[in-house]
Amino acid sequence: MENITDENFDIEIAGQSLPVAVDFFATWCGPCKLLGPVLEKVAEEMKDKFVLLKADLDNIPKTAQKFGIDRVPTVVLFKGAKPVAGFVGLMQEEAIKQWLNESLNKQ
């Protein structure tokens, strides 16, 4: 799982053939530590539908500001390098799967 930065964000997002979910997190954030493994499990189960990338808020300030990320954890789904959906805070595995399926199926 690659951590993305301000320097490689656009390249990483644009370089994927599948939609990309970006987990904006912080190492000091308790809920982030709980959400991360759940997202990674879902990403492994749904690897044919989307790619998960991780973005440590402390390493990606310009991109976080660009997309208005001011709370963590925040997950943003990108299709064609454009943000199409997202959520803030901790979610259970089943809720994440439902959110992903609904978001991925929207045109």
PDB file of N, CA and C in Angstrom:
ATOM      1  N   MET A   1       0.856  -1.174   0.000  1.00  0.00           N
ATOM      2  CA  MET A   1       0.000   0.000   0.000  1.00  0.00           C
ATOM      3  C   MET A   1       0.896   1.230   0.000  1.00  0.00           C
ATOM      4  N   GLU A   2       0.754   2.044  -1.002  1.00  0.00           N
ATOM      5  CA  GLU A   2       1.645   3.192  -1.145  1.00  0.00           C
ATOM      6  C   GLU A   2       1.073   4.423  -0.460  1.00  0.00           C
ATOM      7  N   ASN A   3       1.939   5.134   0.258  1.00  0.00           N
ATOM      8  CA  ASN A   3       1.572   6.433   0.809  1.00  0.00           C
ATOM      9  C   ASN A   3       1.836   7.480  -0.251  1.00  0.00           C
ATOM     10  N   ILE A   4       0.834   8.330  -0.491  1.00  0.00           N
ATOM     11  CA  ILE A   4       1.000   9.363  -1.502  1.00  0.00           C
ATOM     12  C   ILE A   4       1.293  10.705  -0.829  1.00  0.00           C
ATOM     13  N   THR A   5       1.923  11.586  -1.588  1.00  0.00           N
ATOM     14  CA  THR A   5       2.339  12.895  -1.094  1.00  0.00           C
ATOM     15  C   THR A   5       1.842  13.974  -2.052  1.00  0.00           C
ATOM     16  N   ASP A   6       2.061  15.230  -1.689  1.00  0.00           N
ATOM     17  CA  ASP A   6       1.715  16.326  -2.603  1.00  0.00           C
ATOM     18  C   ASP A   6       2.420  16.151  -3.945  1.00  0.00           C
ATOM     19  N   GLU A   7       3.665  15.675  -3.900  1.00  0.00           N
ATOM     20  CA  GLU A   7       4.475  15.567  -5.115  1.00  0.00           C
ATOM     21  C   GLU A   7       3.955  14.496  -6.083  1.00  0.00           C
ATOM     22  N   ASN A   8       3.447  13.376  -5.562  1.00  0.00           N
ATOM     23  CA  ASN A   8       3.053  12.294  -6.475  1.00  0.00           C
ATOM     24  C   ASN A   8       1.548  12.061  -6.543  1.00  0.00           C
ATOM     25  N   PHE A   9       0.747  12.881  -5.874  1.00  0.00           N
ATOM     26  CA  PHE A   9      -0.708  12.653  -5.806  1.00  0.00           C
ATOM     27  C   PHE A   9      -1.339  12.546  -7.189  1.00  0.00           C
ATOM     28  N   ASP A  10      -1.176  13.586  -8.006  1.00  0.00           N
ATOM     29  CA  ASP A  10      -1.829  13.602  -9.323  1.00  0.00           C
ATOM     30  C   ASP A  10      -1.382  12.431 -10.193  1.00  0.00           C
ATOM     31  N   ILE A  11      -0.109  12.115 -10.146  1.00  0.00           N
ATOM     32  CA  ILE A  11       0.427  11.012 -10.945  1.00  0.00           C
ATOM     33  C   ILE A  11      -0.167   9.681 -10.489  1.00  0.00           C
ATOM     34  N   GLU A  12      -0.212   9.477  -9.170  1.00  0.00           N
ATOM     35  CA  GLU A  12      -0.749   8.223  -8.627  1.00  0.00           C
ATOM     36  C   GLU A  12      -2.228   8.052  -8.963  1.00  0.00           C
ATOM     37  N   ILE A  13      -3.001   9.119  -8.824  1.00  0.00           N
ATOM     38  CA  ILE A  13      -4.439   9.045  -9.098  1.00  0.00           C
ATOM     39  C   ILE A  13      -4.678   8.813 -10.590  1.00  0.00           C
ATOM     40  N   ALA A  14      -4.007   9.597 -11.427  1.00  0.00           N
ATOM     41  CA  ALA A  14      -4.207   9.501 -12.875  1.00  0.00           C
ATOM     42  C   ALA A  14      -3.668   8.195 -13.441  1.00  0.00           C
ATOM     43  N   GLY A  15      -2.689   7.600 -12.759  1.00  0.00           N
ATOM     44  CA  GLY A  15      -2.047   6.404 -13.269  1.00  0.00           C
ATOM     45  C   GLY A  15      -2.812   5.110 -13.017  1.00  0.00           C
ATOM     46  N   GLN A  16      -3.957   5.196 -12.384  1.00  0.00           N
ATOM     47  CA  GLN A  16      -4.732   3.988 -12.066  1.00  0.00           C
ATOM     48  C   GLN A  16      -5.812   3.744 -13.116  1.00  0.00           C
ATOM     49  N   SER A  17      -6.002   2.497 -13.463  1.00  0.00           N
ATOM     50  CA  SER A  17      -7.061   2.166 -14.426  1.00  0.00           C
ATOM     51  C   SER A  17      -8.415   2.014 -13.735  1.00  0.00           C
ATOM     52  N   LEU A  18      -8.391   1.771 -12.428  1.00  0.00           N
ATOM     53  CA  LEU A  18      -9.623   1.628 -11.642  1.00  0.00           C
ATOM     54  C   LEU A  18      -9.877   2.907 -10.848  1.00  0.00           C
ATOM     55  N   PRO A  19     -11.117   3.096 -10.351  1.00  0.00           N
ATOM     56  CA  PRO A  19     -11.347   4.205  -9.423  1.00  0.00           C
ATOM     57  C   PRO A  19     -10.409   4.076  -8.222  1.00  0.00           C
ATOM     58  N   VAL A  20     -10.113   5.203  -7.591  1.00  0.00           N
ATOM     59  CA  VAL A  20      -9.159   5.234  -6.483  1.00  0.00           C
ATOM     60  C   VAL A  20      -9.838   5.793  -5.239  1.00  0.00           C
ATOM     61  N   ALA A  21      -9.750   5.059  -4.142  1.00  0.00           N
ATOM     62  CA  ALA A  21     -10.190   5.575  -2.841  1.00  0.00           C
ATOM     63  C   ALA A  21      -8.943   6.021  -2.099  1.00  0.00           C
ATOM     64  N   VAL A  22      -8.936   7.275  -1.662  1.00  0.00           N
ATOM     65  CA  VAL A  22      -7.798   7.806  -0.920  1.00  0.00           C
ATOM     66  C   VAL A  22      -8.193   7.936   0.544  1.00  0.00           C
ATOM     67  N   ASP A  23      -7.433   7.270   1.402  1.00  0.00           N
ATOM     68  CA  ASP A  23      -7.628   7.335   2.847  1.00  0.00           C
ATOM     69  C   ASP A  23      -6.725   8.436   3.387  1.00  0.00           C
ATOM     70  N   PHE A  24      -7.323   9.596   3.665  1.00  0.00           N
ATOM     71  CA  PHE A  24      -6.581  10.689   4.301  1.00  0.00           C
ATOM     72  C   PHE A  24      -6.586  10.408   5.804  1.00  0.00           C
ATOM     73  N   PHE A  25      -5.401  10.225   6.376  1.00  0.00           N
ATOM     74  CA  PHE A  25      -5.289   9.838   7.782  1.00  0.00           C
ATOM     75  C   PHE A  25      -4.173  10.634   8.443  1.00  0.00           C
ATOM     76  N   ALA A  26      -4.021  10.430   9.746  1.00  0.00           N
ATOM     77  CA  ALA A  26      -2.895  11.003  10.483  1.00  0.00           C
ATOM     78  C   ALA A  26      -2.417   9.954  11.485  1.00  0.00           C
ATOM     79  N   THR A  27      -1.123   9.895  11.687  1.00  0.00           N
ATOM     80  CA  THR A  27      -0.558   8.884  12.589  1.00  0.00           C
ATOM     81  C   THR A  27      -1.024   9.083  14.027  1.00  0.00           C
ATOM     82  N   TRP A  28      -1.391  10.309  14.401  1.00  0.00           N
ATOM     83  CA  TRP A  28      -1.832  10.627  15.755  1.00  0.00           C
ATOM     84  C   TRP A  28      -3.339  10.456  15.959  1.00  0.00           C
ATOM     85  N   CYS A  29      -4.048  10.021  14.936  1.00  0.00           N
ATOM     86  CA  CYS A  29      -5.516   9.941  14.950  1.00  0.00           C
ATOM     87  C   CYS A  29      -5.982   8.533  15.328  1.00  0.00           C
ATOM     88  N   GLY A  30      -6.646   8.414  16.475  1.00  0.00           N
ATOM     89  CA  GLY A  30      -7.147   7.119  16.939  1.00  0.00           C
ATOM     90  C   GLY A  30      -8.110   6.447  15.974  1.00  0.00           C
ATOM     91  N   PRO A  31      -9.186   7.145  15.545  1.00  0.00           N
ATOM     92  CA  PRO A  31     -10.114   6.529  14.594  1.00  0.00           C
ATOM     93  C   PRO A  31      -9.446   6.099  13.291  1.00  0.00           C
ATOM     94  N   CYS A  32      -8.406   6.832  12.875  1.00  0.00           N
ATOM     95  CA  CYS A  32      -7.681   6.473  11.641  1.00  0.00           C
ATOM     96  C   CYS A  32      -7.033   5.100  11.789  1.00  0.00           C
ATOM     97  N   LYS A  33      -6.505   4.831  12.977  1.00  0.00           N
ATOM     98  CA  LYS A  33      -5.844   3.548  13.226  1.00  0.00           C
ATOM     99  C   LYS A  33      -6.843   2.400  13.181  1.00  0.00           C
ATOM    100  N   LEU A  34      -8.094   2.689  13.528  1.00  0.00           N
ATOM    101  CA  LEU A  34      -9.137   1.663  13.462  1.00  0.00           C
ATOM    102  C   LEU A  34      -9.652   1.486  12.044  1.00  0.00           C
ATOM    103  N   LEU A  35      -9.789   2.597  11.314  1.00  0.00           N
ATOM    104  CA  LEU A  35     -10.353   2.546   9.961  1.00  0.00           C
ATOM    105  C   LEU A  35      -9.383   1.938   8.950  1.00  0.00           C
ATOM    106  N   GLY A  36      -8.094   2.245   9.081  1.00  0.00           N
ATOM    107  CA  GLY A  36      -7.098   1.789   8.110  1.00  0.00           C
ATOM    108  C   GLY A  36      -7.159   0.306   7.795  1.00  0.00           C
ATOM    109  N   PRO A  37      -7.091  -0.575   8.813  1.00  0.00           N
ATOM    110  CA  PRO A  37      -7.132  -2.016   8.527  1.00  0.00           C
ATOM    111  C   PRO A  37      -8.448  -2.467   7.894  1.00  0.00           C
ATOM    112  N   VAL A  38      -9.556  -1.824   8.252  1.00  0.00           N
ATOM    113  CA  VAL A  38     -10.851  -2.174   7.660  1.00  0.00           C
ATOM    114  C   VAL A  38     -10.840  -1.815   6.178  1.00  0.00           C
ATOM    115  N   LEU A  39     -10.347  -0.615   5.851  1.00  0.00           N
ATOM    116  CA  LEU A  39     -10.262  -0.211   4.442  1.00  0.00           C
ATOM    117  C   LEU A  39      -9.356  -1.144   3.652  1.00  0.00           C
ATOM    118  N   GLU A  40      -8.240  -1.531   4.259  1.00  0.00           N
ATOM    119  CA  GLU A  40      -7.306  -2.422   3.567  1.00  0.00           C
ATOM    120  C   GLU A  40      -7.943  -3.791   3.305  1.00  0.00           C
ATOM    121  N   LYS A  41      -8.732  -4.285   4.252  1.00  0.00           N
ATOM    122  CA  LYS A  41      -9.433  -5.571   4.074  1.00  0.00           C
ATOM    123  C   LYS A  41     -10.449  -5.456   2.937  1.00  0.00           C
ATOM    124  N   VAL A  42     -11.235  -4.378   2.944  1.00  0.00           N
ATOM    125  CA  VAL A  42     -12.232  -4.162   1.889  1.00  0.00           C
ATOM    126  C   VAL A  42     -11.538  -4.015   0.532  1.00  0.00           C
ATOM    127  N   ALA A  43     -10.426  -3.281   0.508  1.00  0.00           N
ATOM    128  CA  ALA A  43      -9.685  -3.088  -0.749  1.00  0.00           C
ATOM    129  C   ALA A  43      -9.192  -4.416  -1.301  1.00  0.00           C
ATOM    130  N   GLU A  44      -8.745  -5.296  -0.421  1.00  0.00           N
ATOM    131  CA  GLU A  44      -8.276  -6.610  -0.864  1.00  0.00           C
ATOM    132  C   GLU A  44      -9.446  -7.425  -1.422  1.00  0.00           C
ATOM    133  N   GLU A  45     -10.591  -7.386  -0.742  1.00  0.00           N
ATOM    134  CA  GLU A  45     -11.767  -8.143  -1.190  1.00  0.00           C
ATOM    135  C   GLU A  45     -12.340  -7.599  -2.495  1.00  0.00           C
ATOM    136  N   MET A  46     -12.189  -6.287  -2.719  1.00  0.00           N
ATOM    137  CA  MET A  46     -12.788  -5.644  -3.898  1.00  0.00           C
ATOM    138  C   MET A  46     -11.715  -5.119  -4.853  1.00  0.00           C
ATOM    139  N   LYS A  47     -10.563  -5.796  -4.893  1.00  0.00           N
ATOM    140  CA  LYS A  47      -9.420  -5.282  -5.665  1.00  0.00           C
ATOM    141  C   LYS A  47      -9.679  -5.191  -7.159  1.00  0.00           C
ATOM    142  N   ASP A  48     -10.714  -5.857  -7.654  1.00  0.00           N
ATOM    143  CA  ASP A  48     -11.052  -5.751  -9.066  1.00  0.00           C
ATOM    144  C   ASP A  48     -11.935  -4.535  -9.354  1.00  0.00           C
ATOM    145  N   LYS A  49     -12.355  -3.815  -8.287  1.00  0.00           N
ATOM    146  CA  LYS A  49     -13.262  -2.680  -8.467  1.00  0.00           C
ATOM    147  C   LYS A  49     -12.630  -1.322  -8.168  1.00  0.00           C
ATOM    148  N   PHE A  50     -11.645  -1.288  -7.251  1.00  0.00           N
ATOM    149  CA  PHE A  50     -11.012  -0.011  -6.917  1.00  0.00           C
ATOM    150  C   PHE A  50      -9.641  -0.246  -6.301  1.00  0.00           C
ATOM    151  N   VAL A  51      -8.861   0.847  -6.256  1.00  0.00           N
ATOM    152  CA  VAL A  51      -7.522   0.841  -5.667  1.00  0.00           C
ATOM    153  C   VAL A  51      -7.553   1.749  -4.438  1.00  0.00           C
ATOM    154  N   LEU A  52      -6.927   1.301  -3.356  1.00  0.00           N
ATOM    155  CA  LEU A  52      -6.833   2.111  -2.142  1.00  0.00           C
ATOM    156  C   LEU A  52      -5.442   2.711  -2.037  1.00  0.00           C
ATOM    157  N   LEU A  53      -5.381   4.033  -1.858  1.00  0.00           N
ATOM    158  CA  LEU A  53      -4.123   4.716  -1.598  1.00  0.00           C
ATOM    159  C   LEU A  53      -4.244   5.433  -0.259  1.00  0.00           C
ATOM    160  N   LYS A  54      -3.126   5.556   0.449  1.00  0.00           N
ATOM    161  CA  LYS A  54      -3.106   6.189   1.763  1.00  0.00           C
ATOM    162  C   LYS A  54      -2.403   7.540   1.668  1.00  0.00           C
ATOM    163  N   ALA A  55      -2.958   8.543   2.363  1.00  0.00           N
ATOM    164  CA  ALA A  55      -2.375   9.879   2.357  1.00  0.00           C
ATOM    165  C   ALA A  55      -2.294  10.400   3.791  1.00  0.00           C
ATOM    166  N   ASP A  56      -1.075  10.433   4.336  1.00  0.00           N
ATOM    167  CA  ASP A  56      -0.847  10.971   5.678  1.00  0.00           C
ATOM    168  C   ASP A  56      -0.993  12.486   5.593  1.00  0.00           C
ATOM    169  N   LEU A  57      -1.956  13.021   6.328  1.00  0.00           N
ATOM    170  CA  LEU A  57      -2.262  14.454   6.262  1.00  0.00           C
ATOM    171  C   LEU A  57      -1.028  15.322   6.495  1.00  0.00           C
ATOM    172  N   ASP A  58      -0.126  14.861   7.315  1.00  0.00           N
ATOM    173  CA  ASP A  58       1.087  15.641   7.597  1.00  0.00           C
ATOM    174  C   ASP A  58       2.030  15.704   6.397  1.00  0.00           C
ATOM    175  N   ASN A  59       1.877  14.782   5.429  1.00  0.00           N
ATOM    176  CA  ASN A  59       2.749  14.733   4.252  1.00  0.00           C
ATOM    177  C   ASN A  59       2.069  15.261   2.991  1.00  0.00           C
ATOM    178  N   ILE A  60       0.832  15.721   3.110  1.00  0.00           N
ATOM    179  CA  ILE A  60       0.074  16.080   1.911  1.00  0.00           C
ATOM    180  C   ILE A  60      -0.763  17.351   2.143  1.00  0.00           C
ATOM    181  N   PRO A  61      -0.170  18.387   2.735  1.00  0.00           N
ATOM    182  CA  PRO A  61      -0.952  19.577   3.111  1.00  0.00           C
ATOM    183  C   PRO A  61      -1.583  20.322   1.938  1.00  0.00           C
ATOM    184  N   LYS A  62      -0.874  20.443   0.814  1.00  0.00           N
ATOM    185  CA  LYS A  62      -1.420  21.187  -0.330  1.00  0.00           C
ATOM    186  C   LYS A  62      -2.622  20.463  -0.927  1.00  0.00           C
ATOM    187  N   THR A  63      -2.504  19.150  -1.085  1.00  0.00           N
ATOM    188  CA  THR A  63      -3.601  18.367  -1.653  1.00  0.00           C
ATOM    189  C   THR A  63      -4.789  18.354  -0.703  1.00  0.00           C
ATOM    190  N   ALA A  64      -4.533  18.218   0.585  1.00  0.00           N
ATOM    191  CA  ALA A  64      -5.615  18.230   1.576  1.00  0.00           C
ATOM    192  C   ALA A  64      -6.373  19.549   1.513  1.00  0.00           C
ATOM    193  N   GLN A  65      -5.635  20.642   1.391  1.00  0.00           N
ATOM    194  CA  GLN A  65      -6.275  21.960   1.295  1.00  0.00           C
ATOM    195  C   GLN A  65      -7.083  22.071  -0.001  1.00  0.00           C
ATOM    196  N   LYS A  66      -6.517  21.576  -1.087  1.00  0.00           N
ATOM    197  CA  LYS A  66      -7.185  21.630  -2.401  1.00  0.00           C
ATOM    198  C   LYS A  66      -8.556  20.952  -2.357  1.00  0.00           C
ATOM    199  N   PHE A  67      -8.647  19.836  -1.640  1.00  0.00           N
ATOM    200  CA  PHE A  67      -9.897  19.075  -1.581  1.00  0.00           C
ATOM    201  C   PHE A  67     -10.692  19.341  -0.302  1.00  0.00           C
ATOM    202  N   GLY A  68     -10.253  20.312   0.493  1.00  0.00           N
ATOM    203  CA  GLY A  68     -10.997  20.682   1.688  1.00  0.00           C
ATOM    204  C   GLY A  68     -10.974  19.637   2.793  1.00  0.00           C
ATOM    205  N   ILE A  69      -9.894  18.873   2.856  1.00  0.00           N
ATOM    206  CA  ILE A  69      -9.777  17.833   3.889  1.00  0.00           C
ATOM    207  C   ILE A  69      -9.263  18.501   5.158  1.00  0.00           C
ATOM    208  N   ASP A  70     -10.127  18.656   6.147  1.00  0.00           N
ATOM    209  CA  ASP A  70      -9.704  19.290   7.391  1.00  0.00           C
ATOM    210  C   ASP A  70      -9.984  18.419   8.613  1.00  0.00           C
ATOM    211  N   ARG A  71     -10.530  17.220   8.368  1.00  0.00           N
ATOM    212  CA  ARG A  71     -10.750  16.268   9.458  1.00  0.00           C
ATOM    213  C   ARG A  71     -10.299  14.890   8.997  1.00  0.00           C
ATOM    214  N   VAL A  72      -9.821  14.109   9.927  1.00  0.00           N
ATOM    215  CA  VAL A  72      -9.426  12.737   9.607  1.00  0.00           C
ATOM    216  C   VAL A  72     -10.108  11.778  10.575  1.00  0.00           C
ATOM    217  N   PRO A  73     -10.383  10.570  10.129  1.00  0.00           N
ATOM    218  CA  PRO A  73     -10.144  10.065   8.773  1.00  0.00           C
ATOM    219  C   PRO A  73     -11.178  10.606   7.783  1.00  0.00           C
ATOM    220  N   THR A  74     -10.720  10.847   6.576  1.00  0.00           N
ATOM    221  CA  THR A  74     -11.591  11.190   5.454  1.00  0.00           C
ATOM    222  C   THR A  74     -11.206  10.285   4.290  1.00  0.00           C
ATOM    223  N   VAL A  75     -12.206   9.707   3.650  1.00  0.00           N
ATOM    224  CA  VAL A  75     -11.973   8.859   2.483  1.00  0.00           C
ATOM    225  C   VAL A  75     -12.661   9.517   1.294  1.00  0.00           C
ATOM    226  N   VAL A  76     -11.915   9.673   0.214  1.00  0.00           N
ATOM    227  CA  VAL A  76     -12.456  10.291  -1.002  1.00  0.00           C
ATOM    228  C   VAL A  76     -12.276   9.312  -2.155  1.00  0.00           C
ATOM    229  N   LEU A  77     -13.350   9.111  -2.903  1.00  0.00           N
ATOM    230  CA  LEU A  77     -13.301   8.234  -4.073  1.00  0.00           C
ATOM    231  C   LEU A  77     -13.134   9.087  -5.324  1.00  0.00           C
ATOM    232  N   PHE A  78     -12.121   8.746  -6.117  1.00  0.00           N
ATOM    233  CA  PHE A  78     -11.830   9.448  -7.370  1.00  0.00           C
ATOM    234  C   PHE A  78     -12.130   8.533  -8.543  1.00  0.00           C
ATOM    235  N   LYS A  79     -12.814   9.086  -9.547  1.00  0.00           N
ATOM    236  CA  LYS A  79     -13.023   8.393 -10.826  1.00  0.00           C
ATOM    237  C   LYS A  79     -12.496   9.327 -11.903  1.00  0.00           C
ATOM    238  N   GLY A  80     -11.638   8.832 -12.743  1.00  0.00           N
ATOM    239  CA  GLY A  80     -11.064   9.682 -13.778  1.00  0.00           C
ATOM    240  C   GLY A  80     -10.349  10.882 -13.184  1.00  0.00           C
ATOM    241  N   ALA A  81      -9.689  10.681 -12.057  1.00  0.00           N
ATOM    242  CA  ALA A  81      -8.913  11.704 -11.344  1.00  0.00           C
ATOM    243  C   ALA A  81      -9.769  12.825 -10.759  1.00  0.00           C
ATOM    244  N   LYS A  82     -11.098  12.637 -10.712  1.00  0.00           N
ATOM    245  CA  LYS A  82     -11.981  13.643 -10.115  1.00  0.00           C
ATOM    246  C   LYS A  82     -12.686  13.041  -8.900  1.00  0.00           C
ATOM    247  N   PRO A  83     -12.790  13.827  -7.800  1.00  0.00           N
ATOM    248  CA  PRO A  83     -13.484  13.311  -6.623  1.00  0.00           C
ATOM    249  C   PRO A  83     -14.979  13.171  -6.894  1.00  0.00           C
ATOM    250  N   VAL A  84     -15.549  12.004  -6.587  1.00  0.00           N
ATOM    251  CA  VAL A  84     -16.967  11.762  -6.857  1.00  0.00           C
ATOM    252  C   VAL A  84     -17.775  11.446  -5.607  1.00  0.00           C
ATOM    253  N   ALA A  85     -17.108  11.032  -4.530  1.00  0.00           N
ATOM    254  CA  ALA A  85     -17.823  10.680  -3.298  1.00  0.00           C
ATOM    255  C   ALA A  85     -16.820  10.647  -2.159  1.00  0.00           C
ATOM    256  N   GLY A  86     -17.344  10.685  -0.948  1.00  0.00           N
ATOM    257  CA  GLY A  86     -16.449  10.611   0.188  1.00  0.00           C
ATOM    258  C   GLY A  86     -17.203  10.492   1.497  1.00  0.00           C
ATOM    259  N   PHE A  87     -16.468  10.198   2.561  1.00  0.00           N
ATOM    260  CA  PHE A  87     -17.052  10.200   3.897  1.00  0.00           C
ATOM    261  C   PHE A  87     -15.990  10.590   4.905  1.00  0.00           C
ATOM    262  N   VAL A  88     -16.457  11.104   6.042  1.00  0.00           N
ATOM    263  CA  VAL A  88     -15.573  11.528   7.122  1.00  0.00           C
ATOM    264  C   VAL A  88     -15.903  10.694   8.350  1.00  0.00           C
ATOM    265  N   GLY A  89     -14.860  10.229   9.031  1.00  0.00           N
ATOM    266  CA  GLY A  89     -15.061   9.501  10.280  1.00  0.00           C
ATOM    267  C   GLY A  89     -14.991   7.998  10.102  1.00  0.00           C
ATOM    268  N   LEU A  90     -15.219   7.326  11.201  1.00  0.00           N
ATOM    269  CA  LEU A  90     -15.132   5.873  11.255  1.00  0.00           C
ATOM    270  C   LEU A  90     -16.418   5.251  10.725  1.00  0.00           C
ATOM    271  N   MET A  91     -16.285   4.241   9.870  1.00  0.00           N
ATOM    272  CA  MET A  91     -17.445   3.490   9.392  1.00  0.00           C
ATOM    273  C   MET A  91     -17.162   2.009   9.549  1.00  0.00           C
ATOM    274  N   GLN A  92     -18.215   1.235   9.757  1.00  0.00           N
ATOM    275  CA  GLN A  92     -18.095  -0.217   9.855  1.00  0.00           C
ATOM    276  C   GLN A  92     -17.851  -0.810   8.465  1.00  0.00           C
ATOM    277  N   GLU A  93     -17.295  -2.005   8.438  1.00  0.00           N
ATOM    278  CA  GLU A  93     -16.940  -2.659   7.181  1.00  0.00           C
ATOM    279  C   GLU A  93     -18.117  -2.762   6.214  1.00  0.00           C
ATOM    280  N   GLU A  94     -19.272  -3.213   6.697  1.00  0.00           N
ATOM    281  CA  GLU A  94     -20.424  -3.384   5.806  1.00  0.00           C
ATOM    282  C   GLU A  94     -20.886  -2.046   5.232  1.00  0.00           C
ATOM    283  N   ALA A  95     -20.840  -0.995   6.059  1.00  0.00           N
ATOM    284  CA  ALA A  95     -21.241   0.333   5.592  1.00  0.00           C
ATOM    285  C   ALA A  95     -20.268   0.848   4.532  1.00  0.00           C
ATOM    286  N   ILE A  96     -18.987   0.565   4.711  1.00  0.00           N
ATOM    287  CA  ILE A  96     -17.981   0.969   3.720  1.00  0.00           C
ATOM    288  C   ILE A  96     -18.236   0.256   2.397  1.00  0.00           C
ATOM    289  N   LYS A  97     -18.507  -1.038   2.462  1.00  0.00           N
ATOM    290  CA  LYS A  97     -18.783  -1.801   1.234  1.00  0.00           C
ATOM    291  C   LYS A  97     -20.019  -1.260   0.520  1.00  0.00           C
ATOM    292  N   GLN A  98     -21.055  -0.947   1.294  1.00  0.00           N
ATOM    293  CA  GLN A  98     -22.283  -0.406   0.700  1.00  0.00           C
ATOM    294  C   GLN A  98     -21.993   0.944   0.055  1.00  0.00           C
ATOM    295  N   TRP A  99     -21.262   1.815   0.766  1.00  0.00           N
ATOM    296  CA  TRP A  99     -20.904   3.137   0.224  1.00  0.00           C
ATOM    297  C   TRP A  99     -20.099   2.975  -1.072  1.00  0.00           C
ATOM    298  N   LEU A 100     -19.136   2.082  -1.062  1.00  0.00           N
ATOM    299  CA  LEU A 100     -18.319   1.860  -2.253  1.00  0.00           C
ATOM    300  C   LEU A 100     -19.145   1.361  -3.413  1.00  0.00           C
ATOM    301  N   ASN A 101     -19.969   0.350  -3.172  1.00  0.00           N
ATOM    302  CA  ASN A 101     -20.782  -0.200  -4.253  1.00  0.00           C
ATOM    303  C   ASN A 101     -21.697   0.865  -4.840  1.00  0.00           C
ATOM    304  N   GLU A 102     -22.343   1.664  -3.989  1.00  0.00           N
ATOM    305  CA  GLU A 102     -23.230   2.726  -4.486  1.00  0.00           C
ATOM    306  C   GLU A 102     -22.421   3.767  -5.253  1.00  0.00           C
ATOM    307  N   SER A 103     -21.278   4.172  -4.719  1.00  0.00           N
ATOM    308  CA  SER A 103     -20.461   5.206  -5.346  1.00  0.00           C
ATOM    309  C   SER A 103     -19.847   4.736  -6.653  1.00  0.00           C
ATOM    310  N   LEU A 104     -19.426   3.488  -6.705  1.00  0.00           N
ATOM    311  CA  LEU A 104     -18.792   2.953  -7.911  1.00  0.00           C
ATOM    312  C   LEU A 104     -19.821   2.761  -9.031  1.00  0.00           C
ATOM    313  N   ASN A 105     -21.063   2.526  -8.664  1.00  0.00           N
ATOM    314  CA  ASN A 105     -22.089   2.271  -9.675  1.00  0.00           C
ATOM    315  C   ASN A 105     -22.725   3.541 -10.220  1.00  0.00           C
ATOM    316  N   LYS A 106     -22.475   4.691  -9.578  1.00  0.00           N
ATOM    317  CA  LYS A 106     -22.991   5.965 -10.097  1.00  0.00           C
ATOM    318  C   LYS A 106     -22.198   6.358 -11.327  1.00  0.00           C
ATOM    319  N   GLN A 107     -22.865   6.978 -12.277  1.00  0.00           N
ATOM    320  CA  GLN A 107     -22.172   7.437 -13.484  1.00  0.00           C
ATOM    321  C   GLN A 107     -21.563   8.783 -13.276  1.00  0.00           C
TER     322      GLN A 107
END
